[in-house]
Amino acid sequence: MDIDIELRSPDEAHAVFGSQDRHLRLLKERFDVRVVARNGMLKLSGDEGAVSGAESAIRRLLDRVRAKPPVTAATVERLVWGGSGEAGTGPGAVAGGEDGADAPIEGFRARTPGQKLYLDAMRDHELVFAIGPAGTGKTFLAVLKAVEHLKKGDVRKIVLCRPAVEAGERLGFLPGDFQAKINPYLRPLYDALHEILDYETVKKYLEMEVIEIVPLAYMRGRTLNHAFIILDEAQNTTREQMKMFLTRMGSGSRIVVTGDVTQTDLPAGKASGLVHVHRLLKGVEGIAVIELRKSDIVRHPLVWKILRAYEHDERQATHAATERHEDREPAAAAGTAEEAG
């Protein structure tokens, strides 16, 4: 995909390029796009989602430049990495701007094209799967949408759940009873709620069971009507658990399932229910499957760099393993030929 952006003056070009093209390098790194500047035009080339994200960042920067406030290096970094340049808007969305008209709750909206697709899917579908890397706002935006539906009266309660799967550490070593042991696994869901609602409202909703935060195991046998149900970290479910969860859906309910298939904590040999259901239900009418990418990461910029480094390391390991396998095959074939002789 190619997109051309017109730069009206040398000042605009300098603001977009940065000193010694620093901003252009930042755009290439953030979105993995090709950037070419020529004759007052900026040409972006690459994957459609990445190009759309880079274009959005450049247009935000140009809007800022044309409004005449001073543009600092920190401002550019915030704009390029998905923010508005303003503080205090939460980790998964950004306030202000004409695009804020589609905000599910005042003060929040999507930061990236992928997040916009995700919010639209939750608006238009009763069952949504959101799959993508850490930092793309999967959990935050799902909770945001759940609170919106609750406030509008579309649902009567919110149910947030996670599988309590050990990530290399044993639950038994934690102090306290079972509830105390599983609370750390549910903490990210509490964190998302407190970003959106004030402490007293969250406390009231929890006490009245308008909001429930429970381990996945507690869902068995329930039928949930008029509820917004979120399954977080779904890559850590088995096929049987995923089937059990999805069949809890009752009349007037909505379900959002989120997960990162690259970070599974299941025991070796156990297939992920999220990977299976993604293959099973993708393309089924009435169900939306949103695949977020690295270009949708809105956490600290270093998160994107860390994920890229891990991916590079995994590619190198795979390449090395393939080379070792290919080296062994000719040797084995030679041995067979000698025996036959």
C-alpha atoms as a PDB file:
ATOM      1  CA  MET A   1       0.000   0.000   0.000  1.00  0.00           C
ATOM      2  CA  ASP A   2       1.259   3.500  -0.911  1.00  0.00           C
ATOM      3  CA  ILE A   3       0.095   6.870   0.453  1.00  0.00           C
ATOM      4  CA  ASP A   4       1.330  10.374  -0.465  1.00  0.00           C
ATOM      5  CA  ILE A   5       1.166  13.241   2.034  1.00  0.00           C
ATOM      6  CA  GLU A   6       1.656  16.823   0.878  1.00  0.00           C
ATOM      7  CA  LEU A   7       3.951  19.097   2.906  1.00  0.00           C
ATOM      8  CA  ARG A   8       2.974  22.744   2.426  1.00  0.00           C
ATOM      9  CA  SER A   9       6.247  24.417   3.304  1.00  0.00           C
ATOM     10  CA  PRO A  10       9.905  23.821   4.206  1.00  0.00           C
ATOM     11  CA  ASP A  11       8.954  24.434   7.868  1.00  0.00           C
ATOM     12  CA  GLU A  12       6.432  21.581   7.753  1.00  0.00           C
ATOM     13  CA  ALA A  13       8.981  19.345   6.065  1.00  0.00           C
ATOM     14  CA  HIS A  14      11.556  20.141   8.750  1.00  0.00           C
ATOM     15  CA  ALA A  15       9.013  19.402  11.519  1.00  0.00           C
ATOM     16  CA  VAL A  16       8.131  16.033   9.980  1.00  0.00           C
ATOM     17  CA  PHE A  17      11.699  15.036   9.107  1.00  0.00           C
ATOM     18  CA  GLY A  18      13.315  16.248  12.332  1.00  0.00           C
ATOM     19  CA  SER A  19      16.970  17.080  12.826  1.00  0.00           C
ATOM     20  CA  GLN A  20      19.029  14.771  10.610  1.00  0.00           C
ATOM     21  CA  ASP A  21      15.800  12.931   9.674  1.00  0.00           C
ATOM     22  CA  ARG A  22      15.361  11.715  13.265  1.00  0.00           C
ATOM     23  CA  HIS A  23      11.557  11.726  13.046  1.00  0.00           C
ATOM     24  CA  LEU A  24      11.555   9.765   9.784  1.00  0.00           C
ATOM     25  CA  ARG A  25      13.726   7.082  11.381  1.00  0.00           C
ATOM     26  CA  LEU A  26      11.301   6.989  14.324  1.00  0.00           C
ATOM     27  CA  LEU A  27       8.367   6.471  11.932  1.00  0.00           C
ATOM     28  CA  LYS A  28      10.180   3.667  10.111  1.00  0.00           C
ATOM     29  CA  GLU A  29      11.018   1.975  13.409  1.00  0.00           C
ATOM     30  CA  ARG A  30       7.547   2.369  14.893  1.00  0.00           C
ATOM     31  CA  PHE A  31       5.496   1.276  11.887  1.00  0.00           C
ATOM     32  CA  ASP A  32       7.930  -0.731   9.752  1.00  0.00           C
ATOM     33  CA  VAL A  33       7.181   1.355   6.643  1.00  0.00           C
ATOM     34  CA  ARG A  34       9.302   2.776   3.820  1.00  0.00           C
ATOM     35  CA  VAL A  35       9.405   6.596   3.851  1.00  0.00           C
ATOM     36  CA  VAL A  36      10.564   8.621   0.842  1.00  0.00           C
ATOM     37  CA  ALA A  37      10.579  12.436   0.737  1.00  0.00           C
ATOM     38  CA  ARG A  38      10.654  14.143  -2.668  1.00  0.00           C
ATOM     39  CA  ASN A  39       9.434  17.463  -4.132  1.00  0.00           C
ATOM     40  CA  GLY A  40       7.322  18.479  -1.136  1.00  0.00           C
ATOM     41  CA  MET A  41       5.662  15.054  -0.871  1.00  0.00           C
ATOM     42  CA  LEU A  42       6.104  12.282   1.650  1.00  0.00           C
ATOM     43  CA  LYS A  43       5.495   8.785   0.267  1.00  0.00           C
ATOM     44  CA  LEU A  44       4.694   5.917   2.665  1.00  0.00           C
ATOM     45  CA  SER A  45       4.901   2.310   1.467  1.00  0.00           C
ATOM     46  CA  GLY A  46       4.304  -0.996   3.243  1.00  0.00           C
ATOM     47  CA  ASP A  47       1.654  -3.126   4.899  1.00  0.00           C
ATOM     48  CA  GLU A  48      -1.816  -1.500   4.858  1.00  0.00           C
ATOM     49  CA  GLY A  49      -2.197  -1.383   8.646  1.00  0.00           C
ATOM     50  CA  ALA A  50       1.312  -0.045   9.169  1.00  0.00           C
ATOM     51  CA  VAL A  51       0.936   2.631   6.464  1.00  0.00           C
ATOM     52  CA  SER A  52      -2.410   3.740   7.925  1.00  0.00           C
ATOM     53  CA  GLY A  53      -0.846   4.027  11.373  1.00  0.00           C
ATOM     54  CA  ALA A  54       2.130   6.032  10.048  1.00  0.00           C
ATOM     55  CA  GLU A  55      -0.175   8.328   8.073  1.00  0.00           C
ATOM     56  CA  SER A  56      -2.287   8.972  11.178  1.00  0.00           C
ATOM     57  CA  ALA A  57       0.818   9.851  13.211  1.00  0.00           C
ATOM     58  CA  ILE A  58       2.124  12.236  10.518  1.00  0.00           C
ATOM     59  CA  ARG A  59      -1.232  13.984  10.175  1.00  0.00           C
ATOM     60  CA  ARG A  60      -1.419  14.451  13.969  1.00  0.00           C
ATOM     61  CA  LEU A  61       2.042  15.953  13.850  1.00  0.00           C
ATOM     62  CA  LEU A  62       1.089  18.272  10.958  1.00  0.00           C
ATOM     63  CA  ASP A  63      -2.058  19.389  12.814  1.00  0.00           C
ATOM     64  CA  ARG A  64       0.131  20.262  15.785  1.00  0.00           C
ATOM     65  CA  VAL A  65       2.656  22.130  13.612  1.00  0.00           C
ATOM     66  CA  ARG A  66      -0.062  24.106  11.791  1.00  0.00           C
ATOM     67  CA  ALA A  67      -1.630  25.135  15.118  1.00  0.00           C
ATOM     68  CA  LYS A  68       1.717  26.891  15.819  1.00  0.00           C
ATOM     69  CA  PRO A  69       2.517  25.626  19.344  1.00  0.00           C
ATOM     70  CA  PRO A  70       6.143  24.615  19.934  1.00  0.00           C
ATOM     71  CA  VAL A  71       6.876  21.013  18.907  1.00  0.00           C
ATOM     72  CA  THR A  72       9.470  19.262  21.054  1.00  0.00           C
ATOM     73  CA  ALA A  73      11.165  15.917  20.518  1.00  0.00           C
ATOM     74  CA  ALA A  74       9.044  14.486  23.372  1.00  0.00           C
ATOM     75  CA  THR A  75       5.867  15.717  21.642  1.00  0.00           C
ATOM     76  CA  VAL A  76       6.859  13.968  18.421  1.00  0.00           C
ATOM     77  CA  GLU A  77       7.587  10.715  20.262  1.00  0.00           C
ATOM     78  CA  ARG A  78       4.156  10.779  21.920  1.00  0.00           C
ATOM     79  CA  LEU A  79       2.441  11.501  18.597  1.00  0.00           C
ATOM     80  CA  VAL A  80       4.332   8.792  16.724  1.00  0.00           C
ATOM     81  CA  TRP A  81       3.801   6.197  19.464  1.00  0.00           C
ATOM     82  CA  GLY A  82       0.038   6.690  19.409  1.00  0.00           C
ATOM     83  CA  GLY A  83      -0.656   9.444  21.937  1.00  0.00           C
ATOM     84  CA  SER A  84      -2.183  12.859  21.542  1.00  0.00           C
ATOM     85  CA  GLY A  85       0.701  14.665  23.172  1.00  0.00           C
ATOM     86  CA  GLU A  86      -1.453  15.207  26.237  1.00  0.00           C
ATOM     87  CA  ALA A  87      -1.282  13.431  29.586  1.00  0.00           C
ATOM     88  CA  GLY A  88      -3.895  11.655  31.654  1.00  0.00           C
ATOM     89  CA  THR A  89      -5.968   9.900  28.986  1.00  0.00           C
ATOM     90  CA  GLY A  90      -5.467   6.296  30.037  1.00  0.00           C
ATOM     91  CA  PRO A  91      -3.339   3.523  28.588  1.00  0.00           C
ATOM     92  CA  GLY A  92      -5.604   2.342  25.825  1.00  0.00           C
ATOM     93  CA  ALA A  93      -7.173   5.451  24.379  1.00  0.00           C
ATOM     94  CA  VAL A  94      -6.586   9.132  23.831  1.00  0.00           C
ATOM     95  CA  ALA A  95      -8.786  12.180  24.356  1.00  0.00           C
ATOM     96  CA  GLY A  96      -9.695  15.076  22.147  1.00  0.00           C
ATOM     97  CA  GLY A  97      -9.679  15.643  18.384  1.00  0.00           C
ATOM     98  CA  GLU A  98     -12.527  15.434  15.902  1.00  0.00           C
ATOM     99  CA  ASP A  99     -12.200  11.638  15.842  1.00  0.00           C
ATOM    100  CA  GLY A 100     -13.344  11.656  19.461  1.00  0.00           C
ATOM    101  CA  ALA A 101     -16.952  11.711  18.230  1.00  0.00           C
ATOM    102  CA  ASP A 102     -16.917   7.910  18.162  1.00  0.00           C
ATOM    103  CA  ALA A 103     -15.573   7.657  21.709  1.00  0.00           C
ATOM    104  CA  PRO A 104     -17.380   4.944  23.736  1.00  0.00           C
ATOM    105  CA  ILE A 105     -16.889   7.018  26.892  1.00  0.00           C
ATOM    106  CA  GLU A 106     -16.047  10.708  26.956  1.00  0.00           C
ATOM    107  CA  GLY A 107     -12.285  11.216  27.102  1.00  0.00           C
ATOM    108  CA  PHE A 108     -11.359   7.917  25.439  1.00  0.00           C
ATOM    109  CA  ARG A 109     -11.023   6.786  21.836  1.00  0.00           C
ATOM    110  CA  ALA A 110      -8.906   4.466  19.734  1.00  0.00           C
ATOM    111  CA  ARG A 111      -5.254   5.384  19.230  1.00  0.00           C
ATOM    112  CA  THR A 112      -4.578   3.214  16.188  1.00  0.00           C
ATOM    113  CA  PRO A 113      -6.496   1.930  13.136  1.00  0.00           C
ATOM    114  CA  GLY A 114      -6.449  -1.566  14.645  1.00  0.00           C
ATOM    115  CA  GLN A 115      -7.971  -0.325  17.893  1.00  0.00           C
ATOM    116  CA  LYS A 116     -10.651   1.515  15.896  1.00  0.00           C
ATOM    117  CA  LEU A 117     -11.561  -1.755  14.127  1.00  0.00           C
ATOM    118  CA  TYR A 118     -11.681  -3.448  17.540  1.00  0.00           C
ATOM    119  CA  LEU A 119     -14.061  -0.854  19.026  1.00  0.00           C
ATOM    120  CA  ASP A 120     -16.266  -1.014  15.914  1.00  0.00           C
ATOM    121  CA  ALA A 121     -16.372  -4.812  16.124  1.00  0.00           C
ATOM    122  CA  MET A 122     -17.482  -4.682  19.780  1.00  0.00           C
ATOM    123  CA  ARG A 123     -20.190  -2.205  18.800  1.00  0.00           C
ATOM    124  CA  ASP A 124     -21.504  -4.326  15.929  1.00  0.00           C
ATOM    125  CA  HIS A 125     -21.041  -7.925  17.134  1.00  0.00           C
ATOM    126  CA  GLU A 126     -22.169  -9.881  20.180  1.00  0.00           C
ATOM    127  CA  LEU A 127     -19.090 -12.142  20.127  1.00  0.00           C
ATOM    128  CA  VAL A 128     -15.624 -10.702  19.451  1.00  0.00           C
ATOM    129  CA  PHE A 129     -12.169 -12.266  19.584  1.00  0.00           C
ATOM    130  CA  ALA A 130      -9.231  -9.851  19.920  1.00  0.00           C
ATOM    131  CA  ILE A 131      -5.844 -11.448  19.334  1.00  0.00           C
ATOM    132  CA  GLY A 132      -2.598  -9.520  19.429  1.00  0.00           C
ATOM    133  CA  PRO A 133       0.661  -8.760  21.221  1.00  0.00           C
ATOM    134  CA  ALA A 134       1.068  -7.204  24.647  1.00  0.00           C
ATOM    135  CA  GLY A 135       0.358  -3.482  24.886  1.00  0.00           C
ATOM    136  CA  THR A 136      -2.281  -3.211  22.153  1.00  0.00           C
ATOM    137  CA  GLY A 137      -5.089  -2.316  24.583  1.00  0.00           C
ATOM    138  CA  LYS A 138      -7.047  -5.579  24.210  1.00  0.00           C
ATOM    139  CA  THR A 139      -8.147  -5.768  27.845  1.00  0.00           C
ATOM    140  CA  PHE A 140      -8.504  -2.038  28.464  1.00  0.00           C
ATOM    141  CA  LEU A 141     -10.738  -1.402  25.443  1.00  0.00           C
ATOM    142  CA  ALA A 142     -12.899  -4.448  26.229  1.00  0.00           C
ATOM    143  CA  VAL A 143     -13.470  -3.178  29.779  1.00  0.00           C
ATOM    144  CA  LEU A 144     -14.082   0.321  28.397  1.00  0.00           C
ATOM    145  CA  LYS A 145     -16.771  -1.015  26.062  1.00  0.00           C
ATOM    146  CA  ALA A 146     -18.311  -3.085  28.869  1.00  0.00           C
ATOM    147  CA  VAL A 147     -18.632  -0.008  31.086  1.00  0.00           C
ATOM    148  CA  GLU A 148     -20.207   1.903  28.190  1.00  0.00           C
ATOM    149  CA  HIS A 149     -22.870  -0.794  27.693  1.00  0.00           C
ATOM    150  CA  LEU A 150     -23.512  -0.908  31.441  1.00  0.00           C
ATOM    151  CA  LYS A 151     -23.979   2.877  31.656  1.00  0.00           C
ATOM    152  CA  LYS A 152     -26.320   2.873  28.660  1.00  0.00           C
ATOM    153  CA  GLY A 153     -28.422   0.107  30.212  1.00  0.00           C
ATOM    154  CA  ASP A 154     -27.713  -2.363  27.398  1.00  0.00           C
ATOM    155  CA  VAL A 155     -26.514  -4.925  29.973  1.00  0.00           C
ATOM    156  CA  ARG A 156     -27.199  -5.391  33.678  1.00  0.00           C
ATOM    157  CA  LYS A 157     -23.788  -6.570  34.778  1.00  0.00           C
ATOM    158  CA  ILE A 158     -20.157  -7.030  33.745  1.00  0.00           C
ATOM    159  CA  VAL A 159     -18.351 -10.337  34.265  1.00  0.00           C
ATOM    160  CA  LEU A 160     -14.562 -10.299  33.917  1.00  0.00           C
ATOM    161  CA  CYS A 161     -12.641 -13.546  34.110  1.00  0.00           C
ATOM    162  CA  ARG A 162      -9.211 -15.044  33.540  1.00  0.00           C
ATOM    163  CA  PRO A 163      -7.769 -18.551  33.660  1.00  0.00           C
ATOM    164  CA  ALA A 164      -5.575 -18.922  36.766  1.00  0.00           C
ATOM    165  CA  VAL A 165      -2.612 -20.498  35.005  1.00  0.00           C
ATOM    166  CA  GLU A 166       0.814 -20.456  36.636  1.00  0.00           C
ATOM    167  CA  ALA A 167       3.416 -18.588  34.570  1.00  0.00           C
ATOM    168  CA  GLY A 168       6.487 -20.448  35.759  1.00  0.00           C
ATOM    169  CA  GLU A 169       5.687 -19.934  39.466  1.00  0.00           C
ATOM    170  CA  ARG A 170       3.637 -22.140  41.773  1.00  0.00           C
ATOM    171  CA  LEU A 171       0.452 -20.741  43.317  1.00  0.00           C
ATOM    172  CA  GLY A 172       0.963 -22.890  46.394  1.00  0.00           C
ATOM    173  CA  PHE A 173       3.910 -20.791  47.516  1.00  0.00           C
ATOM    174  CA  LEU A 174       1.761 -17.663  47.773  1.00  0.00           C
ATOM    175  CA  PRO A 175       0.382 -16.823  51.246  1.00  0.00           C
ATOM    176  CA  GLY A 176      -3.305 -16.898  52.152  1.00  0.00           C
ATOM    177  CA  ASP A 177      -6.373 -18.884  51.130  1.00  0.00           C
ATOM    178  CA  PHE A 178      -7.367 -19.753  47.559  1.00  0.00           C
ATOM    179  CA  GLN A 179      -8.969 -16.349  46.945  1.00  0.00           C
ATOM    180  CA  ALA A 180      -5.791 -14.595  48.084  1.00  0.00           C
ATOM    181  CA  LYS A 181      -3.731 -16.837  45.817  1.00  0.00           C
ATOM    182  CA  ILE A 182      -5.772 -16.085  42.670  1.00  0.00           C
ATOM    183  CA  ASN A 183      -6.154 -12.326  43.233  1.00  0.00           C
ATOM    184  CA  PRO A 184      -2.786 -11.531  41.562  1.00  0.00           C
ATOM    185  CA  TYR A 185      -4.065 -13.218  38.398  1.00  0.00           C
ATOM    186  CA  LEU A 186      -7.146 -10.978  38.377  1.00  0.00           C
ATOM    187  CA  ARG A 187      -5.284  -7.763  39.245  1.00  0.00           C
ATOM    188  CA  PRO A 188      -4.998  -6.500  35.621  1.00  0.00           C
ATOM    189  CA  LEU A 189      -8.789  -6.500  35.366  1.00  0.00           C
ATOM    190  CA  TYR A 190      -9.077  -4.370  38.524  1.00  0.00           C
ATOM    191  CA  ASP A 191      -6.415  -2.028  37.103  1.00  0.00           C
ATOM    192  CA  ALA A 192      -8.394  -1.541  33.882  1.00  0.00           C
ATOM    193  CA  LEU A 193     -11.576  -0.762  35.827  1.00  0.00           C
ATOM    194  CA  HIS A 194      -9.818   1.828  37.998  1.00  0.00           C
ATOM    195  CA  GLU A 195      -8.497   3.586  34.865  1.00  0.00           C
ATOM    196  CA  ILE A 196     -12.085   4.109  33.688  1.00  0.00           C
ATOM    197  CA  LEU A 197     -14.161   4.478  36.871  1.00  0.00           C
ATOM    198  CA  ASP A 198     -13.414   6.163  40.173  1.00  0.00           C
ATOM    199  CA  TYR A 199     -12.551   4.022  43.203  1.00  0.00           C
ATOM    200  CA  GLU A 200     -15.902   4.429  44.985  1.00  0.00           C
ATOM    201  CA  THR A 201     -17.903   3.461  41.882  1.00  0.00           C
ATOM    202  CA  VAL A 202     -15.806   0.329  41.348  1.00  0.00           C
ATOM    203  CA  LYS A 203     -16.185  -0.595  45.027  1.00  0.00           C
ATOM    204  CA  LYS A 204     -19.969  -0.099  44.891  1.00  0.00           C
ATOM    205  CA  TYR A 205     -20.360  -2.124  41.687  1.00  0.00           C
ATOM    206  CA  LEU A 206     -18.280  -4.980  43.115  1.00  0.00           C
ATOM    207  CA  GLU A 207     -20.239  -5.031  46.384  1.00  0.00           C
ATOM    208  CA  MET A 208     -23.553  -5.077  44.483  1.00  0.00           C
ATOM    209  CA  GLU A 209     -22.167  -7.710  42.067  1.00  0.00           C
ATOM    210  CA  VAL A 210     -22.930  -5.419  39.168  1.00  0.00           C
ATOM    211  CA  ILE A 211     -19.297  -6.189  38.298  1.00  0.00           C
ATOM    212  CA  GLU A 212     -17.868  -9.643  38.965  1.00  0.00           C
ATOM    213  CA  ILE A 213     -14.177 -10.525  38.631  1.00  0.00           C
ATOM    214  CA  VAL A 214     -13.700 -14.281  38.800  1.00  0.00           C
ATOM    215  CA  PRO A 215     -11.371 -17.084  37.760  1.00  0.00           C
ATOM    216  CA  LEU A 216     -12.474 -18.990  34.659  1.00  0.00           C
ATOM    217  CA  ALA A 217     -13.118 -22.155  36.706  1.00  0.00           C
ATOM    218  CA  TYR A 218     -15.978 -20.350  38.518  1.00  0.00           C
ATOM    219  CA  MET A 219     -17.893 -19.967  35.233  1.00  0.00           C
ATOM    220  CA  ARG A 220     -18.827 -23.636  34.871  1.00  0.00           C
ATOM    221  CA  GLY A 221     -22.563 -24.309  35.134  1.00  0.00           C
ATOM    222  CA  ARG A 222     -23.611 -20.653  34.863  1.00  0.00           C
ATOM    223  CA  THR A 223     -25.882 -19.031  32.290  1.00  0.00           C
ATOM    224  CA  LEU A 224     -25.326 -15.283  32.064  1.00  0.00           C
ATOM    225  CA  ASN A 225     -28.194 -13.176  30.704  1.00  0.00           C
ATOM    226  CA  HIS A 226     -27.933  -9.465  29.897  1.00  0.00           C
ATOM    227  CA  ALA A 227     -24.236  -9.407  30.774  1.00  0.00           C
ATOM    228  CA  PHE A 228     -21.065  -8.137  29.138  1.00  0.00           C
ATOM    229  CA  ILE A 229     -18.598 -11.005  29.632  1.00  0.00           C
ATOM    230  CA  ILE A 230     -14.840 -10.685  29.056  1.00  0.00           C
ATOM    231  CA  LEU A 231     -12.389 -13.569  29.012  1.00  0.00           C
ATOM    232  CA  ASP A 232      -8.858 -12.186  29.321  1.00  0.00           C
ATOM    233  CA  GLU A 233      -5.569 -14.066  28.682  1.00  0.00           C
ATOM    234  CA  ALA A 234      -7.576 -16.616  26.717  1.00  0.00           C
ATOM    235  CA  GLN A 235      -4.437 -18.147  25.199  1.00  0.00           C
ATOM    236  CA  ASN A 236      -4.117 -19.956  28.550  1.00  0.00           C
ATOM    237  CA  THR A 237      -7.398 -21.828  28.151  1.00  0.00           C
ATOM    238  CA  THR A 238      -7.679 -25.402  26.932  1.00  0.00           C
ATOM    239  CA  ARG A 239     -10.080 -26.334  24.142  1.00  0.00           C
ATOM    240  CA  GLU A 240     -12.511 -27.721  26.725  1.00  0.00           C
ATOM    241  CA  GLN A 241     -12.373 -24.550  28.845  1.00  0.00           C
ATOM    242  CA  MET A 242     -12.975 -22.328  25.813  1.00  0.00           C
ATOM    243  CA  LYS A 243     -16.027 -24.346  24.817  1.00  0.00           C
ATOM    244  CA  MET A 244     -17.328 -24.188  28.395  1.00  0.00           C
ATOM    245  CA  PHE A 245     -16.840 -20.408  28.538  1.00  0.00           C
ATOM    246  CA  LEU A 246     -18.467 -19.574  25.198  1.00  0.00           C
ATOM    247  CA  THR A 247     -21.551 -21.616  26.067  1.00  0.00           C
ATOM    248  CA  ARG A 248     -22.193 -19.468  29.174  1.00  0.00           C
ATOM    249  CA  MET A 249     -23.654 -16.807  26.860  1.00  0.00           C
ATOM    250  CA  GLY A 250     -27.298 -16.118  27.653  1.00  0.00           C
ATOM    251  CA  SER A 251     -30.038 -13.864  26.316  1.00  0.00           C
ATOM    252  CA  GLY A 252     -29.003 -10.238  25.749  1.00  0.00           C
ATOM    253  CA  SER A 253     -25.348 -10.921  26.536  1.00  0.00           C
ATOM    254  CA  ARG A 254     -22.145  -9.975  24.756  1.00  0.00           C
ATOM    255  CA  ILE A 255     -18.768 -11.701  24.934  1.00  0.00           C
ATOM    256  CA  VAL A 256     -15.249 -10.429  24.241  1.00  0.00           C
ATOM    257  CA  VAL A 257     -12.328 -12.866  24.297  1.00  0.00           C
ATOM    258  CA  THR A 258      -8.793 -11.448  24.372  1.00  0.00           C
ATOM    259  CA  GLY A 259      -5.371 -13.053  24.230  1.00  0.00           C
ATOM    260  CA  ASP A 260      -1.845 -13.174  22.873  1.00  0.00           C
ATOM    261  CA  VAL A 261      -1.122 -16.517  21.227  1.00  0.00           C
ATOM    262  CA  THR A 262       2.638 -15.885  21.446  1.00  0.00           C
ATOM    263  CA  GLN A 263       2.592 -15.926  25.276  1.00  0.00           C
ATOM    264  CA  THR A 264       0.992 -19.215  26.306  1.00  0.00           C
ATOM    265  CA  ASP A 265       1.632 -20.559  29.827  1.00  0.00           C
ATOM    266  CA  LEU A 266      -0.105 -23.908  29.337  1.00  0.00           C
ATOM    267  CA  PRO A 267       1.840 -27.103  30.132  1.00  0.00           C
ATOM    268  CA  ALA A 268       3.843 -28.618  27.271  1.00  0.00           C
ATOM    269  CA  GLY A 269       1.607 -30.651  24.997  1.00  0.00           C
ATOM    270  CA  LYS A 270      -1.588 -28.753  25.905  1.00  0.00           C
ATOM    271  CA  ALA A 271      -3.191 -27.023  22.915  1.00  0.00           C
ATOM    272  CA  SER A 272      -4.454 -23.456  23.415  1.00  0.00           C
ATOM    273  CA  GLY A 273      -8.215 -23.057  23.247  1.00  0.00           C
ATOM    274  CA  LEU A 274      -7.767 -19.599  21.727  1.00  0.00           C
ATOM    275  CA  VAL A 275      -5.634 -20.908  18.856  1.00  0.00           C
ATOM    276  CA  HIS A 276      -8.202 -23.653  18.203  1.00  0.00           C
ATOM    277  CA  VAL A 277     -11.281 -21.422  18.349  1.00  0.00           C
ATOM    278  CA  HIS A 278      -9.608 -18.801  16.143  1.00  0.00           C
ATOM    279  CA  ARG A 279      -9.284 -21.443  13.438  1.00  0.00           C
ATOM    280  CA  LEU A 280     -12.716 -22.926  14.164  1.00  0.00           C
ATOM    281  CA  LEU A 281     -14.891 -19.796  14.229  1.00  0.00           C
ATOM    282  CA  LYS A 282     -13.067 -17.327  11.975  1.00  0.00           C
ATOM    283  CA  GLY A 283     -15.448 -16.417   9.159  1.00  0.00           C
ATOM    284  CA  VAL A 284     -18.598 -17.473  11.028  1.00  0.00           C
ATOM    285  CA  GLU A 285     -21.342 -14.904  10.493  1.00  0.00           C
ATOM    286  CA  GLY A 286     -22.052 -12.769  13.559  1.00  0.00           C
ATOM    287  CA  ILE A 287     -18.603 -13.351  15.080  1.00  0.00           C
ATOM    288  CA  ALA A 288     -15.758 -10.840  14.707  1.00  0.00           C
ATOM    289  CA  VAL A 289     -12.094 -11.794  14.928  1.00  0.00           C
ATOM    290  CA  ILE A 290      -9.757  -8.792  15.279  1.00  0.00           C
ATOM    291  CA  GLU A 291      -6.043  -9.387  14.856  1.00  0.00           C
ATOM    292  CA  LEU A 292      -4.049  -6.525  16.375  1.00  0.00           C
ATOM    293  CA  ARG A 293      -0.408  -6.009  15.371  1.00  0.00           C
ATOM    294  CA  LYS A 294       2.786  -4.470  16.691  1.00  0.00           C
ATOM    295  CA  SER A 295       1.727  -1.203  15.031  1.00  0.00           C
ATOM    296  CA  ASP A 296      -1.222  -1.116  17.490  1.00  0.00           C
ATOM    297  CA  ILE A 297       0.977  -1.193  20.603  1.00  0.00           C
ATOM    298  CA  VAL A 298       0.220   1.836  22.787  1.00  0.00           C
ATOM    299  CA  ARG A 299       2.213   0.924  25.858  1.00  0.00           C
ATOM    300  CA  HIS A 300       5.697   2.319  26.503  1.00  0.00           C
ATOM    301  CA  PRO A 301       7.709   2.542  23.224  1.00  0.00           C
ATOM    302  CA  LEU A 302      10.218   0.065  24.649  1.00  0.00           C
ATOM    303  CA  VAL A 303       7.522  -2.664  24.654  1.00  0.00           C
ATOM    304  CA  TRP A 304       7.457  -2.587  20.852  1.00  0.00           C
ATOM    305  CA  LYS A 305      11.263  -2.746  20.708  1.00  0.00           C
ATOM    306  CA  ILE A 306      11.360  -5.630  23.198  1.00  0.00           C
ATOM    307  CA  LEU A 307       8.838  -7.656  21.174  1.00  0.00           C
ATOM    308  CA  ARG A 308      10.765  -6.982  17.976  1.00  0.00           C
ATOM    309  CA  ALA A 309      14.009  -8.177  19.621  1.00  0.00           C
ATOM    310  CA  TYR A 310      12.338 -11.401  20.792  1.00  0.00           C
ATOM    311  CA  GLU A 311      10.891 -12.032  17.327  1.00  0.00           C
ATOM    312  CA  HIS A 312      14.326 -11.506  15.758  1.00  0.00           C
ATOM    313  CA  ASP A 313      15.867 -13.938  18.242  1.00  0.00           C
ATOM    314  CA  GLU A 314      13.169 -16.556  17.550  1.00  0.00           C
ATOM    315  CA  ARG A 315      13.676 -16.227  13.779  1.00  0.00           C
ATOM    316  CA  GLN A 316      17.410 -16.729  14.205  1.00  0.00           C
ATOM    317  CA  ALA A 317      16.854 -19.801  16.395  1.00  0.00           C
ATOM    318  CA  THR A 318      14.405 -21.271  13.850  1.00  0.00           C
ATOM    319  CA  HIS A 319      16.835 -20.598  11.013  1.00  0.00           C
ATOM    320  CA  ALA A 320      19.694 -22.243  12.941  1.00  0.00           C
ATOM    321  CA  ALA A 321      17.544 -25.282  13.756  1.00  0.00           C
ATOM    322  CA  THR A 322      16.559 -25.625  10.097  1.00  0.00           C
ATOM    323  CA  GLU A 323      20.195 -25.469   9.007  1.00  0.00           C
ATOM    324  CA  ARG A 324      21.173 -28.156  11.549  1.00  0.00           C
ATOM    325  CA  HIS A 325      18.359 -30.396  10.315  1.00  0.00           C
ATOM    326  CA  GLU A 326      19.421 -29.940   6.679  1.00  0.00           C
ATOM    327  CA  ASP A 327      23.050 -30.705   7.569  1.00  0.00           C
ATOM    328  CA  ARG A 328      22.043 -33.972   9.283  1.00  0.00           C
ATOM    329  CA  GLU A 329      19.928 -35.253   6.377  1.00  0.00           C
ATOM    330  CA  PRO A 330      22.800 -35.565   3.817  1.00  0.00           C
ATOM    331  CA  ALA A 331      24.962 -37.247   6.472  1.00  0.00           C
ATOM    332  CA  ALA A 332      22.231 -39.772   7.240  1.00  0.00           C
ATOM    333  CA  ALA A 333      21.714 -40.421   3.535  1.00  0.00           C
ATOM    334  CA  ALA A 334      25.452 -41.007   3.067  1.00  0.00           C
ATOM    335  CA  GLY A 335      25.475 -43.503   5.924  1.00  0.00           C
ATOM    336  CA  THR A 336      22.609 -45.426   4.352  1.00  0.00           C
ATOM    337  CA  ALA A 337      24.417 -45.551   0.987  1.00  0.00           C
ATOM    338  CA  GLU A 338      27.609 -46.927   2.633  1.00  0.00           C
ATOM    339  CA  GLU A 339      25.612 -49.658   4.405  1.00  0.00           C
ATOM    340  CA  ALA A 340      23.951 -50.639   1.160  1.00  0.00           C
ATOM    341  CA  GLY A 341      27.367 -50.877  -0.547  1.00  0.00           C
END
